[in-house]
Amino acid sequence: LPLLGAGAWVESAATARVVRQVPGSVTIRHEGPGHTLYPFNLCARAHIDRYLTDRRTPPQNTVC
């Protein structure tokens, strides 16, 4: 099962390094500060919800 990672500016690179170890995995990058994407970023929340309910990852290089 592929992983879905999500991170802001600096943390998205670290998240991507971990997620790349599992084939088919994707990282959502947030162009801004913050550690809590889910409650405040509607774009990220939609992708995360889709992953949790349908097991579908967003396209590679998704930016929210």
N, C-alpha and C. Protein backbone atom coordinates (compact mmCIF):
# COMPACT_ATOMS: atom_id res chain seq x y z
N LEU A 1 0.85 -1.18 0.00
CA LEU A 1 0.00 0.00 0.00
C LEU A 1 0.89 1.24 0.00
N PRO A 2 0.71 2.15 -0.95
CA PRO A 2 1.51 3.37 -0.98
C PRO A 2 1.17 4.28 0.20
N LEU A 3 2.14 5.09 0.57
CA LEU A 3 1.95 6.06 1.65
C LEU A 3 1.58 7.41 1.08
N LEU A 4 0.93 8.23 1.89
CA LEU A 4 0.66 9.62 1.55
C LEU A 4 1.29 10.47 2.63
N GLY A 5 2.23 11.31 2.23
CA GLY A 5 2.85 12.23 3.17
C GLY A 5 2.37 13.64 2.88
N ALA A 6 2.41 14.49 3.88
CA ALA A 6 2.03 15.89 3.69
C ALA A 6 2.94 16.74 4.57
N GLY A 7 3.42 17.84 4.00
CA GLY A 7 4.30 18.70 4.79
C GLY A 7 4.38 20.10 4.23
N ALA A 8 4.76 21.03 5.11
CA ALA A 8 4.94 22.42 4.73
C ALA A 8 6.40 22.63 4.33
N TRP A 9 6.72 23.85 3.93
CA TRP A 9 8.04 24.26 3.43
C TRP A 9 9.17 23.28 3.72
N VAL A 10 9.78 23.39 4.88
CA VAL A 10 10.98 22.61 5.19
C VAL A 10 10.66 21.14 5.44
N GLU A 11 9.58 20.85 6.08
CA GLU A 11 9.29 19.47 6.44
C GLU A 11 8.86 18.62 5.24
N SER A 12 8.43 19.23 4.15
CA SER A 12 7.99 18.41 3.01
C SER A 12 9.16 17.64 2.40
N ALA A 13 10.37 18.18 2.44
CA ALA A 13 11.53 17.46 1.92
C ALA A 13 11.83 16.23 2.76
N ALA A 14 11.76 16.36 4.08
CA ALA A 14 11.99 15.21 4.96
C ALA A 14 10.90 14.18 4.78
N THR A 15 9.66 14.63 4.66
CA THR A 15 8.55 13.72 4.44
C THR A 15 8.73 12.96 3.13
N ALA A 16 9.13 13.67 2.08
CA ALA A 16 9.32 13.04 0.78
C ALA A 16 10.42 11.98 0.82
N ARG A 17 11.49 12.23 1.57
CA ARG A 17 12.58 11.23 1.67
C ARG A 17 12.07 9.92 2.27
N VAL A 18 11.22 10.01 3.27
CA VAL A 18 10.67 8.81 3.90
C VAL A 18 9.69 8.12 2.96
N VAL A 19 8.80 8.89 2.37
CA VAL A 19 7.74 8.35 1.52
C VAL A 19 8.31 7.70 0.26
N ARG A 20 9.42 8.24 -0.27
CA ARG A 20 10.03 7.67 -1.48
C ARG A 20 10.50 6.22 -1.29
N GLN A 21 10.65 5.80 -0.07
CA GLN A 21 11.11 4.44 0.19
C GLN A 21 10.03 3.39 -0.08
N VAL A 22 8.80 3.83 -0.25
CA VAL A 22 7.69 2.91 -0.53
C VAL A 22 7.17 3.20 -1.94
N PRO A 23 7.31 2.25 -2.86
CA PRO A 23 6.90 2.48 -4.24
C PRO A 23 5.45 2.94 -4.36
N GLY A 24 5.22 3.89 -5.26
CA GLY A 24 3.87 4.39 -5.50
C GLY A 24 3.41 5.46 -4.53
N SER A 25 4.24 5.80 -3.57
CA SER A 25 3.86 6.78 -2.56
C SER A 25 4.02 8.21 -3.08
N VAL A 26 3.32 9.15 -2.44
CA VAL A 26 3.26 10.54 -2.88
C VAL A 26 3.34 11.47 -1.67
N THR A 27 3.89 12.66 -1.89
CA THR A 27 3.89 13.70 -0.86
C THR A 27 3.13 14.91 -1.36
N ILE A 28 2.26 15.45 -0.52
CA ILE A 28 1.57 16.71 -0.79
C ILE A 28 2.44 17.81 -0.17
N ARG A 29 2.77 18.80 -0.97
CA ARG A 29 3.59 19.91 -0.47
C ARG A 29 2.68 21.12 -0.24
N HIS A 30 2.85 21.73 0.93
CA HIS A 30 2.11 22.95 1.27
C HIS A 30 3.08 24.12 1.16
N GLU A 31 2.76 25.10 0.35
CA GLU A 31 3.61 26.27 0.16
C GLU A 31 3.32 27.32 1.23
N GLY A 32 3.73 27.04 2.43
CA GLY A 32 3.52 27.96 3.53
C GLY A 32 3.91 27.33 4.85
N PRO A 33 3.82 28.09 5.93
CA PRO A 33 4.18 27.55 7.24
C PRO A 33 3.06 26.69 7.81
N GLY A 34 3.37 25.98 8.83
CA GLY A 34 2.35 25.23 9.55
C GLY A 34 2.62 23.76 9.66
N HIS A 35 2.22 23.19 10.77
CA HIS A 35 2.38 21.76 11.01
C HIS A 35 1.03 21.05 10.98
N THR A 36 -0.04 21.78 10.84
CA THR A 36 -1.37 21.19 10.90
C THR A 36 -2.13 21.48 9.62
N LEU A 37 -1.78 20.77 8.56
CA LEU A 37 -2.43 20.99 7.27
C LEU A 37 -3.89 20.56 7.27
N TYR A 38 -4.19 19.47 7.91
CA TYR A 38 -5.53 18.89 7.78
C TYR A 38 -6.66 19.85 8.17
N PRO A 39 -6.61 20.50 9.32
CA PRO A 39 -7.76 21.34 9.67
C PRO A 39 -7.84 22.67 8.92
N PHE A 40 -6.73 23.13 8.35
CA PHE A 40 -6.70 24.48 7.78
C PHE A 40 -6.48 24.55 6.28
N ASN A 41 -6.12 23.46 5.63
CA ASN A 41 -5.83 23.49 4.19
C ASN A 41 -6.84 22.58 3.48
N LEU A 42 -7.82 23.19 2.84
CA LEU A 42 -8.90 22.41 2.21
C LEU A 42 -8.38 21.50 1.11
N CYS A 43 -7.38 21.95 0.37
CA CYS A 43 -6.80 21.14 -0.71
C CYS A 43 -6.16 19.88 -0.12
N ALA A 44 -5.32 20.05 0.88
CA ALA A 44 -4.66 18.90 1.52
C ALA A 44 -5.69 17.98 2.15
N ARG A 45 -6.67 18.55 2.80
CA ARG A 45 -7.71 17.74 3.46
C ARG A 45 -8.45 16.87 2.44
N ALA A 46 -8.76 17.42 1.28
CA ALA A 46 -9.46 16.64 0.26
C ALA A 46 -8.62 15.45 -0.20
N HIS A 47 -7.32 15.67 -0.41
CA HIS A 47 -6.44 14.57 -0.83
C HIS A 47 -6.28 13.53 0.28
N ILE A 48 -6.14 13.99 1.51
CA ILE A 48 -5.98 13.07 2.64
C ILE A 48 -7.25 12.25 2.83
N ASP A 49 -8.41 12.89 2.78
CA ASP A 49 -9.68 12.16 2.92
C ASP A 49 -9.83 11.11 1.83
N ARG A 50 -9.48 11.47 0.59
CA ARG A 50 -9.59 10.53 -0.54
C ARG A 50 -8.67 9.33 -0.31
N TYR A 51 -7.47 9.59 0.20
CA TYR A 51 -6.53 8.51 0.47
C TYR A 51 -7.08 7.58 1.57
N LEU A 52 -7.62 8.17 2.61
CA LEU A 52 -8.12 7.36 3.73
C LEU A 52 -9.39 6.59 3.39
N THR A 53 -10.22 7.13 2.53
CA THR A 53 -11.48 6.45 2.22
C THR A 53 -11.40 5.56 0.98
N ASP A 54 -10.67 6.01 -0.04
CA ASP A 54 -10.62 5.28 -1.31
C ASP A 54 -9.26 4.67 -1.64
N ARG A 55 -8.25 4.94 -0.79
CA ARG A 55 -6.89 4.45 -1.02
C ARG A 55 -6.28 5.00 -2.32
N ARG A 56 -6.72 6.20 -2.73
CA ARG A 56 -6.19 6.83 -3.94
C ARG A 56 -5.24 7.95 -3.54
N THR A 57 -4.04 7.95 -4.11
CA THR A 57 -3.09 9.02 -3.86
C THR A 57 -3.26 10.10 -4.93
N PRO A 58 -2.91 11.34 -4.58
CA PRO A 58 -2.95 12.41 -5.57
C PRO A 58 -1.80 12.25 -6.56
N PRO A 59 -1.79 13.02 -7.63
CA PRO A 59 -0.68 12.95 -8.58
C PRO A 59 0.65 13.33 -7.92
N GLN A 60 1.74 12.83 -8.47
CA GLN A 60 3.07 13.22 -7.99
C GLN A 60 3.20 14.74 -8.06
N ASN A 61 3.95 15.31 -7.15
CA ASN A 61 4.24 16.76 -7.11
C ASN A 61 3.00 17.61 -6.85
N THR A 62 2.03 17.08 -6.12
CA THR A 62 0.84 17.86 -5.78
C THR A 62 1.24 18.95 -4.78
N VAL A 63 0.80 20.16 -5.06
CA VAL A 63 1.05 21.31 -4.19
C VAL A 63 -0.30 21.87 -3.76
N CYS A 64 -0.44 22.10 -2.46
CA CYS A 64 -1.68 22.68 -1.93
C CYS A 64 -1.37 24.00 -1.24
